């Protein structure tokens, strides 16, 4: 009976598909779209005027 040899794991080629720059850009984009928009600064064009006499709903 021949001596048993340890089985070798086949080596897999290393696949590089995404550069670090693209990975970081995609993370930044995902972060940007997952946050609600900021309220505009008061006094800028297009900013809504504050409501006077506005009361909160009960």
PDB file of N, CA and C in Angstrom:
ATOM      1  N   UNK A   1       0.854  -1.169   0.000  1.00  0.00           N
ATOM      2  CA  UNK A   1       0.000   0.000   0.000  1.00  0.00           C
ATOM      3  C   UNK A   1       0.903   1.235   0.000  1.00  0.00           C
ATOM      4  N   UNK A   2       0.645   2.182  -0.914  1.00  0.00           N
ATOM      5  CA  UNK A   2       1.490   3.369  -0.977  1.00  0.00           C
ATOM      6  C   UNK A   2       1.217   4.304   0.207  1.00  0.00           C
ATOM      7  N   UNK A   3       2.216   5.053   0.600  1.00  0.00           N
ATOM      8  CA  UNK A   3       2.061   5.997   1.717  1.00  0.00           C
ATOM      9  C   UNK A   3       1.111   7.120   1.292  1.00  0.00           C
ATOM     10  N   UNK A   4       0.249   7.525   2.203  1.00  0.00           N
ATOM     11  CA  UNK A   4      -0.701   8.590   1.869  1.00  0.00           C
ATOM     12  C   UNK A   4       0.006   9.946   1.928  1.00  0.00           C
ATOM     13  N   UNK A   5      -0.310  10.773   0.946  1.00  0.00           N
ATOM     14  CA  UNK A   5       0.262  12.120   0.904  1.00  0.00           C
ATOM     15  C   UNK A   5      -0.805  13.110   1.363  1.00  0.00           C
ATOM     16  N   UNK A   6      -0.369  14.159   2.008  1.00  0.00           N
ATOM     17  CA  UNK A   6      -1.377  15.171   2.388  1.00  0.00           C
ATOM     18  C   UNK A   6      -1.986  15.791   1.134  1.00  0.00           C
ATOM     19  N   UNK A   7      -3.261  16.021   1.184  1.00  0.00           N
ATOM     20  CA  UNK A   7      -3.936  16.609   0.018  1.00  0.00           C
ATOM     21  C   UNK A   7      -3.639  18.103  -0.031  1.00  0.00           C
ATOM     22  N   UNK A   8      -3.326  18.586  -1.194  1.00  0.00           N
ATOM     23  CA  UNK A   8      -3.032  19.995  -1.376  1.00  0.00           C
ATOM     24  C   UNK A   8      -4.273  20.709  -1.883  1.00  0.00           C
ATOM     25  N   UNK A   9      -4.486  21.877  -1.335  1.00  0.00           N
ATOM     26  CA  UNK A   9      -5.602  22.695  -1.795  1.00  0.00           C
ATOM     27  C   UNK A   9      -5.212  23.332  -3.124  1.00  0.00           C
ATOM     28  N   UNK A  10      -6.083  23.280  -4.104  1.00  0.00           N
ATOM     29  CA  UNK A  10      -5.749  23.947  -5.363  1.00  0.00           C
ATOM     30  C   UNK A  10      -5.695  25.463  -5.141  1.00  0.00           C
ATOM     31  N   UNK A  11      -4.717  26.100  -5.706  1.00  0.00           N
ATOM     32  CA  UNK A  11      -4.603  27.549  -5.540  1.00  0.00           C
ATOM     33  C   UNK A  11      -5.550  28.242  -6.495  1.00  0.00           C
ATOM     34  N   UNK A  12      -6.177  29.279  -5.995  1.00  0.00           N
ATOM     35  CA  UNK A  12      -7.120  30.045  -6.802  1.00  0.00           C
ATOM     36  C   UNK A  12      -6.436  31.320  -7.262  1.00  0.00           C
ATOM     37  N   UNK A  13      -6.680  31.733  -8.474  1.00  0.00           N
ATOM     38  CA  UNK A  13      -6.082  32.994  -8.912  1.00  0.00           C
ATOM     39  C   UNK A  13      -6.721  34.174  -8.170  1.00  0.00           C
ATOM     40  N   UNK A  14      -5.941  35.170  -7.878  1.00  0.00           N
ATOM     41  CA  UNK A  14      -6.444  36.362  -7.202  1.00  0.00           C
ATOM     42  C   UNK A  14      -7.131  37.240  -8.233  1.00  0.00           C
ATOM     43  N   UNK A  15      -8.366  37.595  -7.941  1.00  0.00           N
ATOM     44  CA  UNK A  15      -9.132  38.421  -8.866  1.00  0.00           C
ATOM     45  C   UNK A  15      -9.203  39.841  -8.330  1.00  0.00           C
ATOM     46  N   UNK A  16      -8.821  40.768  -9.134  1.00  0.00           N
ATOM     47  CA  UNK A  16      -8.954  42.175  -8.758  1.00  0.00           C
ATOM     48  C   UNK A  16      -9.966  42.795  -9.697  1.00  0.00           C
ATOM     49  N   UNK A  17     -11.068  43.248  -9.133  1.00  0.00           N
ATOM     50  CA  UNK A  17     -12.126  43.769  -9.977  1.00  0.00           C
ATOM     51  C   UNK A  17     -12.449  45.226  -9.713  1.00  0.00           C
ATOM     52  N   UNK A  18     -12.183  45.713  -8.496  1.00  0.00           N
ATOM     53  CA  UNK A  18     -12.552  47.079  -8.143  1.00  0.00           C
ATOM     54  C   UNK A  18     -11.344  47.762  -7.534  1.00  0.00           C
ATOM     55  N   UNK A  19     -11.025  48.936  -8.045  1.00  0.00           N
ATOM     56  CA  UNK A  19      -9.908  49.674  -7.481  1.00  0.00           C
ATOM     57  C   UNK A  19     -10.343  50.309  -6.157  1.00  0.00           C
ATOM     58  N   UNK A  20      -9.383  50.640  -5.332  1.00  0.00           N
ATOM     59  CA  UNK A  20      -9.692  51.269  -4.048  1.00  0.00           C
ATOM     60  C   UNK A  20     -10.385  52.608  -4.268  1.00  0.00           C
ATOM     61  N   UNK A  21      -9.984  53.343  -5.292  1.00  0.00           N
ATOM     62  CA  UNK A  21     -10.604  54.636  -5.589  1.00  0.00           C
ATOM     63  C   UNK A  21     -12.079  54.452  -5.913  1.00  0.00           C
ATOM     64  N   UNK A  22     -12.414  53.450  -6.734  1.00  0.00           N
ATOM     65  CA  UNK A  22     -13.811  53.192  -7.087  1.00  0.00           C
ATOM     66  C   UNK A  22     -14.608  52.716  -5.874  1.00  0.00           C
ATOM     67  N   UNK A  23     -13.985  51.917  -5.036  1.00  0.00           N
ATOM     68  CA  UNK A  23     -14.665  51.431  -3.834  1.00  0.00           C
ATOM     69  C   UNK A  23     -14.992  52.590  -2.897  1.00  0.00           C
ATOM     70  N   UNK A  24     -14.024  53.477  -2.668  1.00  0.00           N
ATOM     71  CA  UNK A  24     -14.267  54.622  -1.794  1.00  0.00           C
ATOM     72  C   UNK A  24     -15.294  55.575  -2.395  1.00  0.00           C
ATOM     73  N   UNK A  25     -15.272  55.748  -3.708  1.00  0.00           N
ATOM     74  CA  UNK A  25     -16.254  56.619  -4.359  1.00  0.00           C
ATOM     75  C   UNK A  25     -17.663  56.048  -4.222  1.00  0.00           C
ATOM     76  N   UNK A  26     -17.796  54.737  -4.344  1.00  0.00           N
ATOM     77  CA  UNK A  26     -19.126  54.140  -4.225  1.00  0.00           C
ATOM     78  C   UNK A  26     -19.637  54.240  -2.790  1.00  0.00           C
ATOM     79  N   UNK A  27     -18.746  54.126  -1.819  1.00  0.00           N
ATOM     80  CA  UNK A  27     -19.148  54.276  -0.416  1.00  0.00           C
ATOM     81  C   UNK A  27     -19.591  55.712  -0.134  1.00  0.00           C
ATOM     82  N   UNK A  28     -18.868  56.680  -0.675  1.00  0.00           N
ATOM     83  CA  UNK A  28     -19.232  58.084  -0.480  1.00  0.00           C
ATOM     84  C   UNK A  28     -20.574  58.386  -1.138  1.00  0.00           C
ATOM     85  N   UNK A  29     -20.814  57.820  -2.314  1.00  0.00           N
ATOM     86  CA  UNK A  29     -22.080  58.043  -3.008  1.00  0.00           C
ATOM     87  C   UNK A  29     -23.238  57.407  -2.240  1.00  0.00           C
ATOM     88  N   UNK A  30     -23.032  56.218  -1.716  1.00  0.00           N
ATOM     89  CA  UNK A  30     -24.076  55.551  -0.940  1.00  0.00           C
ATOM     90  C   UNK A  30     -24.392  56.344   0.321  1.00  0.00           C
ATOM     91  N   UNK A  31     -23.370  56.896   0.947  1.00  0.00           N
ATOM     92  CA  UNK A  31     -23.576  57.702   2.142  1.00  0.00           C
ATOM     93  C   UNK A  31     -24.351  58.971   1.803  1.00  0.00           C
ATOM     94  N   UNK A  32     -24.026  59.587   0.680  1.00  0.00           N
ATOM     95  CA  UNK A  32     -24.686  60.839   0.296  1.00  0.00           C
ATOM     96  C   UNK A  32     -26.165  60.639   0.002  1.00  0.00           C
ATOM     97  N   UNK A  33     -26.532  59.554  -0.652  1.00  0.00           N
ATOM     98  CA  UNK A  33     -27.937  59.360  -0.998  1.00  0.00           C
ATOM     99  C   UNK A  33     -28.746  58.791   0.156  1.00  0.00           C
ATOM    100  N   UNK A  34     -28.092  58.284   1.189  1.00  0.00           N
ATOM    101  CA  UNK A  34     -28.834  57.701   2.303  1.00  0.00           C
ATOM    102  C   UNK A  34     -29.168  58.725   3.382  1.00  0.00           C
ATOM    103  N   UNK A  35     -28.653  59.936   3.270  1.00  0.00           N
ATOM    104  CA  UNK A  35     -28.942  60.983   4.248  1.00  0.00           C
ATOM    105  C   UNK A  35     -30.029  61.912   3.703  1.00  0.00           C
ATOM    106  N   UNK A  36     -30.886  62.436   4.598  1.00  0.00           N
ATOM    107  CA  UNK A  36     -31.901  63.379   4.129  1.00  0.00           C
ATOM    108  C   UNK A  36     -31.245  64.694   3.712  1.00  0.00           C
ATOM    109  N   UNK A  37     -31.881  65.442   2.826  1.00  0.00           N
ATOM    110  CA  UNK A  37     -31.287  66.712   2.392  1.00  0.00           C
ATOM    111  C   UNK A  37     -31.244  67.718   3.542  1.00  0.00           C
ATOM    112  N   UNK A  38     -30.264  68.607   3.483  1.00  0.00           N
ATOM    113  CA  UNK A  38     -30.147  69.652   4.499  1.00  0.00           C
ATOM    114  C   UNK A  38     -31.174  70.731   4.239  1.00  0.00           C
ATOM    115  N   UNK A  39     -31.626  71.381   5.328  1.00  0.00           N
ATOM    116  CA  UNK A  39     -32.520  72.519   5.173  1.00  0.00           C
ATOM    117  C   UNK A  39     -31.715  73.682   4.605  1.00  0.00           C
ATOM    118  N   UNK A  40     -32.300  74.464   3.697  1.00  0.00           N
ATOM    119  CA  UNK A  40     -31.566  75.611   3.154  1.00  0.00           C
ATOM    120  C   UNK A  40     -31.334  76.662   4.233  1.00  0.00           C
ATOM    121  N   UNK A  41     -30.282  77.426   4.073  1.00  0.00           N
ATOM    122  CA  UNK A  41     -29.980  78.507   5.012  1.00  0.00           C
ATOM    123  C   UNK A  41     -31.061  79.577   4.903  1.00  0.00           C
ATOM    124  N   UNK A  42     -31.472  80.174   6.028  1.00  0.00           N
ATOM    125  CA  UNK A  42     -32.464  81.254   5.955  1.00  0.00           C
ATOM    126  C   UNK A  42     -31.914  82.441   5.178  1.00  0.00           C
ATOM    127  N   UNK A  43     -32.734  83.038   4.371  1.00  0.00           N
ATOM    128  CA  UNK A  43     -32.324  84.205   3.602  1.00  0.00           C
ATOM    129  C   UNK A  43     -31.762  83.876   2.233  1.00  0.00           C
ATOM    130  N   UNK A  44     -31.564  82.613   1.910  1.00  0.00           N
ATOM    131  CA  UNK A  44     -31.070  82.273   0.582  1.00  0.00           C
ATOM    132  C   UNK A  44     -32.249  82.177  -0.371  1.00  0.00           C
ATOM    133  N   UNK A  45     -32.031  82.470  -1.646  1.00  0.00           N
ATOM    134  CA  UNK A  45     -33.138  82.364  -2.607  1.00  0.00           C
ATOM    135  C   UNK A  45     -33.699  80.943  -2.646  1.00  0.00           C
ATOM    136  N   UNK A  46     -35.004  80.851  -2.621  1.00  0.00           N
ATOM    137  CA  UNK A  46     -35.652  79.547  -2.676  1.00  0.00           C
ATOM    138  C   UNK A  46     -35.937  78.951  -1.313  1.00  0.00           C
ATOM    139  N   UNK A  47     -35.428  79.587  -0.245  1.00  0.00           N
ATOM    140  CA  UNK A  47     -35.678  79.076   1.100  1.00  0.00           C
ATOM    141  C   UNK A  47     -37.082  79.491   1.525  1.00  0.00           C
ATOM    142  N   UNK A  48     -37.825  78.581   2.136  1.00  0.00           N
ATOM    143  CA  UNK A  48     -39.179  78.960   2.568  1.00  0.00           C
ATOM    144  C   UNK A  48     -39.112  79.951   3.731  1.00  0.00           C
ATOM    145  N   UNK A  49     -40.056  80.869   3.719  1.00  0.00           N
ATOM    146  CA  UNK A  49     -40.123  81.852   4.803  1.00  0.00           C
ATOM    147  C   UNK A  49     -40.707  81.173   6.044  1.00  0.00           C
ATOM    148  N   UNK A  50     -40.227  81.530   7.240  1.00  0.00           N
ATOM    149  CA  UNK A  50     -40.783  80.916   8.452  1.00  0.00           C
ATOM    150  C   UNK A  50     -42.252  81.334   8.633  1.00  0.00           C
ATOM    151  N   UNK A  51     -43.068  80.399   9.021  1.00  0.00           N
ATOM    152  CA  UNK A  51     -44.494  80.667   9.220  1.00  0.00           C
ATOM    153  C   UNK A  51     -44.683  81.357  10.551  1.00  0.00           C
ATOM    154  N   UNK A  52     -45.440  82.475  10.536  1.00  0.00           N
ATOM    155  CA  UNK A  52     -45.708  83.179  11.765  1.00  0.00           C
ATOM    156  C   UNK A  52     -47.041  82.693  12.317  1.00  0.00           C
ATOM    157  N   UNK A  53     -47.080  82.514  13.608  1.00  0.00           N
ATOM    158  CA  UNK A  53     -48.305  82.052  14.224  1.00  0.00           C
ATOM    159  C   UNK A  53     -48.593  80.599  13.978  1.00  0.00           C
ATOM    160  N   UNK A  54     -47.612  79.878  13.511  1.00  0.00           N
ATOM    161  CA  UNK A  54     -47.788  78.449  13.225  1.00  0.00           C
ATOM    162  C   UNK A  54     -47.800  77.685  14.542  1.00  0.00           C
ATOM    163  N   UNK A  55     -48.768  76.792  14.683  1.00  0.00           N
ATOM    164  CA  UNK A  55     -48.848  76.000  15.906  1.00  0.00           C
ATOM    165  C   UNK A  55     -48.673  74.540  15.551  1.00  0.00           C
ATOM    166  N   UNK A  56     -48.091  73.789  16.458  1.00  0.00           N
ATOM    167  CA  UNK A  56     -47.913  72.352  16.251  1.00  0.00           C
ATOM    168  C   UNK A  56     -49.257  71.654  16.337  1.00  0.00           C
ATOM    169  N   UNK A  57     -49.382  70.604  15.597  1.00  0.00           N
ATOM    170  CA  UNK A  57     -50.608  69.798  15.626  1.00  0.00           C
ATOM    171  C   UNK A  57     -50.718  69.099  16.973  1.00  0.00           C
ATOM    172  N   UNK A  58     -51.934  68.865  17.395  1.00  0.00           N
ATOM    173  CA  UNK A  58     -52.161  68.219  18.690  1.00  0.00           C
ATOM    174  C   UNK A  58     -51.817  66.757  18.648  1.00  0.00           C
TER     175      UNK A  58
END
